[in-house]
Amino acid sequence: MQDLTVSLIQTPLYYEDPVGNRAMLEEKIAGIGKTDVIVLPEMFTTSFTNDAAKFAEPANLHTFKWMKQLSAQTGACIVGSYAIKDGTNFYNRLLWMQPDGKFYTYDKRHAFRMSDEHKVYTSGNKQLVVEFKGWKIAPFICYDLRFPVWSRNTNNKYDLAIYVANWPAARAHAWKSLLPARAIENISYVIGLNRIGTDGLGLVYSGDSIVQDFKGMPLAELHSEEKIATVVLSKKDLNEFREIFPAYLDGDGFELKL
């Protein structure tokens, strides 16, 4: 039952500047010590943008190669989302890159219609659970947090849920309320990694990134600071709690229709 060390990078992002953001994040990553997983925000190359025609990359180009190289150099998985063009469609796609070059992708299921994301980006229709170092990890993106059925941890299919986000400060109360709810109801560790600063549209982001245990208790809170936090998660503690409090055995069955 190996522990898992995770590092969160809470940072401002340069608006629609992939080269600048990769350089900034590369410098921050270089300062992280030994860790297993490095988490980057949603759309970390551009900040949130609907100008996919200009900024979306082919699936295996600049940012893909950048993540592959950094993962190999650091020995850590690197995870975050950016705009991708795949065929004729655009996706807000999360890339999970491992040090051995193996990778997995997750396309954001719930496009945020209040900012017209659904008019630009195609929604995904598949969940992702990655197995890494004895852990089962489910990544999600931002607005997905509001939909508990999509995150439902049926039969303990994951041990850790990760939500990467560009979640504006105007809705910070929802962010801070829903993250512990997902941890408690799913008996799972939960990471919420948000950005800070102001984007090119004038939207303010307060961060409030957090690592929570399976009881919804905070293990690390980043508030509104520009900060990197590294936390060790205990699989032993998670398994022991699931044994003494197996609420998942009484979960309601359902069929998810996409």
Protein backbone atom coordinates (compact mmCIF):
# COMPACT_ATOMS: atom_id res chain seq x y z
CA MET A 1 0.00 0.00 0.00
CA GLN A 2 2.32 2.66 -1.32
CA ASP A 3 1.82 6.31 -0.41
CA LEU A 4 1.34 8.78 -3.25
CA THR A 5 3.05 12.18 -3.30
CA VAL A 6 1.22 14.86 -5.26
CA SER A 7 2.28 18.43 -6.09
CA LEU A 8 -0.15 21.21 -7.03
CA ILE A 9 0.94 24.31 -8.94
CA GLN A 10 -1.43 27.21 -8.19
CA THR A 11 -0.38 30.07 -10.43
CA PRO A 12 -1.57 32.93 -12.62
CA LEU A 13 -1.60 32.16 -16.35
CA TYR A 14 -0.62 34.34 -19.28
CA TYR A 15 -3.67 34.90 -21.46
CA GLU A 16 -3.46 33.11 -24.81
CA ASP A 17 0.32 32.73 -24.56
CA PRO A 18 1.31 29.05 -24.82
CA VAL A 19 5.05 29.72 -25.10
CA GLY A 20 5.05 31.99 -22.07
CA ASN A 21 2.98 29.59 -19.96
CA ARG A 22 5.12 26.56 -20.80
CA ALA A 23 8.27 28.49 -19.90
CA MET A 24 6.77 29.75 -16.63
CA LEU A 25 5.51 26.30 -15.62
CA GLU A 26 8.75 24.60 -16.59
CA GLU A 27 10.61 26.88 -14.19
CA LYS A 28 8.16 26.09 -11.39
CA ILE A 29 8.33 22.36 -12.06
CA ALA A 30 12.13 22.48 -11.89
CA GLY A 31 11.85 23.66 -8.29
CA ILE A 32 9.71 20.73 -7.13
CA GLY A 33 11.51 17.96 -5.30
CA LYS A 34 10.75 14.26 -5.59
CA THR A 35 7.07 13.71 -6.23
CA ASP A 36 4.80 11.23 -8.02
CA VAL A 37 2.21 13.49 -9.67
CA ILE A 38 2.39 17.17 -10.71
CA VAL A 39 -1.00 18.83 -11.30
CA LEU A 40 -1.41 21.84 -13.62
CA PRO A 41 -4.57 23.97 -14.07
CA GLU A 42 -7.23 23.64 -16.74
CA MET A 43 -6.13 25.12 -20.09
CA PHE A 44 -2.70 25.80 -18.63
CA THR A 45 -1.18 26.86 -21.96
CA THR A 46 -3.62 29.69 -22.69
CA SER A 47 -5.88 30.36 -19.70
CA PHE A 48 -9.52 29.65 -20.60
CA THR A 49 -10.18 30.65 -24.21
CA ASN A 50 -12.83 29.97 -26.81
CA ASP A 51 -10.45 30.91 -29.63
CA ALA A 52 -9.76 27.26 -30.34
CA ALA A 53 -9.28 27.89 -34.05
CA LYS A 54 -6.13 29.85 -33.19
CA PHE A 55 -4.77 28.09 -30.13
CA ALA A 56 -5.84 24.43 -30.27
CA GLU A 57 -2.93 22.07 -30.97
CA PRO A 58 -2.81 18.75 -32.77
CA ALA A 59 -2.85 15.95 -30.23
CA ASN A 60 0.88 15.13 -30.35
CA LEU A 61 2.56 18.47 -30.99
CA HIS A 62 4.25 21.14 -28.82
CA THR A 63 2.57 20.74 -25.43
CA PHE A 64 2.38 16.97 -25.72
CA LYS A 65 6.13 16.77 -26.38
CA TRP A 66 6.83 19.29 -23.63
CA MET A 67 4.89 17.24 -21.06
CA LYS A 68 6.55 14.02 -22.21
CA GLN A 69 10.02 15.50 -21.82
CA LEU A 70 9.32 17.04 -18.40
CA SER A 71 7.72 13.86 -17.10
CA ALA A 72 10.75 11.83 -18.14
CA GLN A 73 13.13 14.38 -16.59
CA THR A 74 11.30 14.67 -13.26
CA GLY A 75 10.18 11.06 -12.93
CA ALA A 76 6.68 12.33 -12.13
CA CYS A 77 3.36 12.11 -13.90
CA ILE A 78 2.25 15.49 -15.22
CA VAL A 79 -1.45 16.19 -15.64
CA GLY A 80 -3.40 19.18 -16.93
CA SER A 81 -5.72 20.22 -19.76
CA TYR A 82 -5.29 22.32 -22.89
CA ALA A 83 -7.11 22.98 -26.16
CA ILE A 84 -6.74 20.19 -28.73
CA LYS A 85 -7.85 19.84 -32.35
CA ASP A 86 -8.70 16.24 -33.18
CA GLY A 87 -10.03 15.76 -36.67
CA THR A 88 -12.57 18.51 -37.26
CA ASN A 89 -13.42 18.93 -33.57
CA PHE A 90 -11.93 20.92 -30.72
CA TYR A 91 -11.64 19.47 -27.21
CA ASN A 92 -10.74 20.74 -23.76
CA ARG A 93 -8.54 17.70 -23.26
CA LEU A 94 -6.69 16.58 -20.16
CA LEU A 95 -3.42 14.76 -20.73
CA TRP A 96 -2.03 12.35 -18.14
CA MET A 97 1.63 11.85 -19.03
CA GLN A 98 3.79 9.25 -17.28
CA PRO A 99 7.60 9.14 -17.01
CA ASP A 100 7.76 6.00 -19.16
CA GLY A 101 6.03 7.85 -22.01
CA LYS A 102 2.70 6.12 -21.52
CA PHE A 103 -0.18 8.59 -21.58
CA TYR A 104 -3.95 8.80 -21.23
CA THR A 105 -6.48 11.46 -22.18
CA TYR A 106 -9.79 12.70 -20.84
CA ASP A 107 -12.08 15.09 -22.72
CA LYS A 108 -14.10 17.46 -20.55
CA ARG A 109 -17.61 16.06 -20.28
CA HIS A 110 -19.48 19.18 -19.19
CA ALA A 111 -18.81 22.25 -21.33
CA PHE A 112 -19.59 25.49 -19.49
CA ARG A 113 -22.46 26.91 -21.54
CA MET A 114 -22.54 30.19 -19.60
CA SER A 115 -19.32 31.11 -21.40
CA ASP A 116 -20.33 29.39 -24.69
CA GLU A 117 -17.78 26.62 -24.24
CA HIS A 118 -20.35 24.15 -25.59
CA LYS A 119 -20.44 26.06 -28.90
CA VAL A 120 -16.70 25.61 -29.44
CA TYR A 121 -15.56 22.42 -27.74
CA THR A 122 -16.98 18.93 -28.25
CA SER A 123 -17.92 17.20 -24.99
CA GLY A 124 -16.28 13.94 -24.05
CA ASN A 125 -18.26 10.78 -23.40
CA LYS A 126 -15.77 8.56 -21.56
CA GLN A 127 -14.55 8.60 -17.99
CA LEU A 128 -10.91 7.88 -17.27
CA VAL A 129 -9.43 5.94 -14.36
CA VAL A 130 -5.65 5.57 -14.44
CA GLU A 131 -3.81 2.96 -12.40
CA PHE A 132 -0.47 4.24 -11.13
CA LYS A 133 1.74 2.97 -8.30
CA GLY A 134 -1.12 0.94 -6.82
CA TRP A 135 -3.56 3.87 -6.96
CA LYS A 136 -6.65 4.33 -9.12
CA ILE A 137 -6.95 7.97 -10.15
CA ALA A 138 -9.87 9.68 -11.90
CA PRO A 139 -9.25 13.11 -13.49
CA PHE A 140 -12.01 15.62 -14.21
CA ILE A 141 -12.15 19.19 -15.51
CA CYS A 142 -13.68 22.25 -13.82
CA TYR A 143 -17.47 22.33 -14.51
CA ASP A 144 -17.56 18.52 -14.15
CA LEU A 145 -17.44 19.18 -10.41
CA ARG A 146 -21.09 20.30 -10.41
CA PHE A 147 -22.35 16.91 -11.65
CA PRO A 148 -22.07 14.25 -8.93
CA VAL A 149 -23.41 11.41 -11.08
CA TRP A 150 -20.47 11.78 -13.47
CA SER A 151 -18.06 11.65 -10.52
CA ARG A 152 -19.82 8.80 -8.73
CA ASN A 153 -17.27 6.37 -7.35
CA THR A 154 -19.21 3.16 -7.96
CA ASN A 155 -17.61 0.15 -6.22
CA ASN A 156 -14.56 2.23 -5.27
CA LYS A 157 -13.38 2.41 -8.86
CA TYR A 158 -11.00 5.22 -7.89
CA ASP A 159 -8.99 6.26 -4.83
CA LEU A 160 -8.26 9.83 -5.86
CA ALA A 161 -10.25 12.31 -7.93
CA ILE A 162 -8.46 15.29 -9.46
CA TYR A 163 -10.32 18.38 -10.67
CA VAL A 164 -8.27 20.89 -12.69
CA ALA A 165 -9.98 24.23 -13.17
CA ASN A 166 -10.25 27.85 -14.25
CA TRP A 167 -12.99 28.55 -11.68
CA PRO A 168 -13.75 32.29 -11.27
CA ALA A 169 -13.74 33.92 -7.83
CA ALA A 170 -17.38 34.96 -8.28
CA ARG A 171 -18.35 31.31 -7.77
CA ALA A 172 -15.71 30.40 -5.19
CA HIS A 173 -18.33 29.37 -2.62
CA ALA A 174 -19.57 26.62 -4.95
CA TRP A 175 -16.01 25.41 -5.56
CA LYS A 176 -15.24 25.27 -1.85
CA SER A 177 -18.55 23.52 -1.08
CA LEU A 178 -18.59 20.90 -3.81
CA LEU A 179 -15.04 19.61 -3.43
CA PRO A 180 -15.55 18.28 0.12
CA ALA A 181 -18.93 16.90 -0.93
CA ARG A 182 -17.26 14.84 -3.67
CA ALA A 183 -14.70 13.52 -1.18
CA ILE A 184 -17.26 12.58 1.47
CA GLU A 185 -19.83 10.96 -0.81
CA ASN A 186 -17.20 9.00 -2.76
CA ILE A 187 -14.96 8.04 0.19
CA SER A 188 -12.01 9.19 -1.84
CA TYR A 189 -9.17 11.67 -1.72
CA VAL A 190 -9.99 14.76 -3.79
CA ILE A 191 -7.68 17.36 -5.29
CA GLY A 192 -9.04 20.63 -6.66
CA LEU A 193 -6.41 22.67 -8.52
CA ASN A 194 -7.49 26.14 -9.65
CA ARG A 195 -5.60 29.11 -11.06
CA ILE A 196 -5.23 32.61 -9.59
CA GLY A 197 -4.97 36.09 -11.10
CA THR A 198 -7.00 37.92 -13.75
CA ASP A 199 -7.44 36.67 -17.32
CA GLY A 200 -7.65 38.59 -20.58
CA LEU A 201 -11.41 38.91 -20.24
CA GLY A 202 -11.14 40.55 -16.83
CA LEU A 203 -12.28 37.49 -14.86
CA VAL A 204 -10.69 37.16 -11.43
CA TYR A 205 -9.64 33.79 -10.02
CA SER A 206 -9.09 33.27 -6.30
CA GLY A 207 -7.41 29.86 -6.45
CA ASP A 208 -8.67 28.09 -3.32
CA SER A 209 -6.92 24.92 -4.45
CA ILE A 210 -7.12 22.14 -1.92
CA VAL A 211 -6.19 18.55 -1.13
CA GLN A 212 -8.84 16.72 0.88
CA ASP A 213 -8.93 13.33 2.49
CA PHE A 214 -11.73 10.76 2.21
CA LYS A 215 -13.63 12.43 5.09
CA GLY A 216 -13.59 15.81 3.35
CA MET A 217 -10.94 17.16 5.70
CA PRO A 218 -8.27 19.47 4.22
CA LEU A 219 -4.71 18.21 4.03
CA ALA A 220 -3.46 21.33 2.23
CA GLU A 221 -5.16 24.65 1.42
CA LEU A 222 -3.53 27.13 -0.94
CA HIS A 223 -6.05 29.98 -0.52
CA SER A 224 -5.21 32.76 -3.03
CA GLU A 225 -1.40 32.48 -2.91
CA GLU A 226 0.87 31.78 -5.84
CA LYS A 227 2.18 28.55 -4.41
CA ILE A 228 3.28 24.98 -4.95
CA ALA A 229 2.03 22.47 -2.39
CA THR A 230 3.27 18.90 -2.06
CA VAL A 231 1.23 16.40 -0.02
CA VAL A 232 1.62 12.70 0.77
CA LEU A 233 -1.56 10.61 0.51
CA SER A 234 -1.87 7.39 2.52
CA LYS A 235 -3.46 4.40 0.82
CA LYS A 236 -3.36 2.52 4.14
CA ASP A 237 -5.49 5.18 5.84
CA LEU A 238 -7.97 5.18 2.95
CA ASN A 239 -8.36 1.40 2.96
CA GLU A 240 -8.78 1.23 6.71
CA PHE A 241 -11.53 3.86 6.65
CA ARG A 242 -13.35 2.10 3.83
CA GLU A 243 -13.29 -1.09 5.92
CA ILE A 244 -14.77 0.47 9.05
CA PHE A 245 -17.20 2.75 7.18
CA PRO A 246 -18.21 0.91 3.97
CA ALA A 247 -20.99 3.30 2.92
CA TYR A 248 -20.22 2.49 -0.72
CA LEU A 249 -21.91 -0.91 -0.22
CA ASP A 250 -25.24 0.90 0.21
CA GLY A 251 -24.91 3.10 -2.86
CA ASP A 252 -27.79 3.26 -5.32
CA GLY A 253 -27.39 1.46 -8.61
CA PHE A 254 -27.91 3.43 -11.79
CA GLU A 255 -27.23 3.41 -15.49
CA LEU A 256 -25.38 6.42 -16.90
CA LYS A 257 -26.88 7.48 -20.24
CA LEU A 258 -24.62 9.67 -22.37
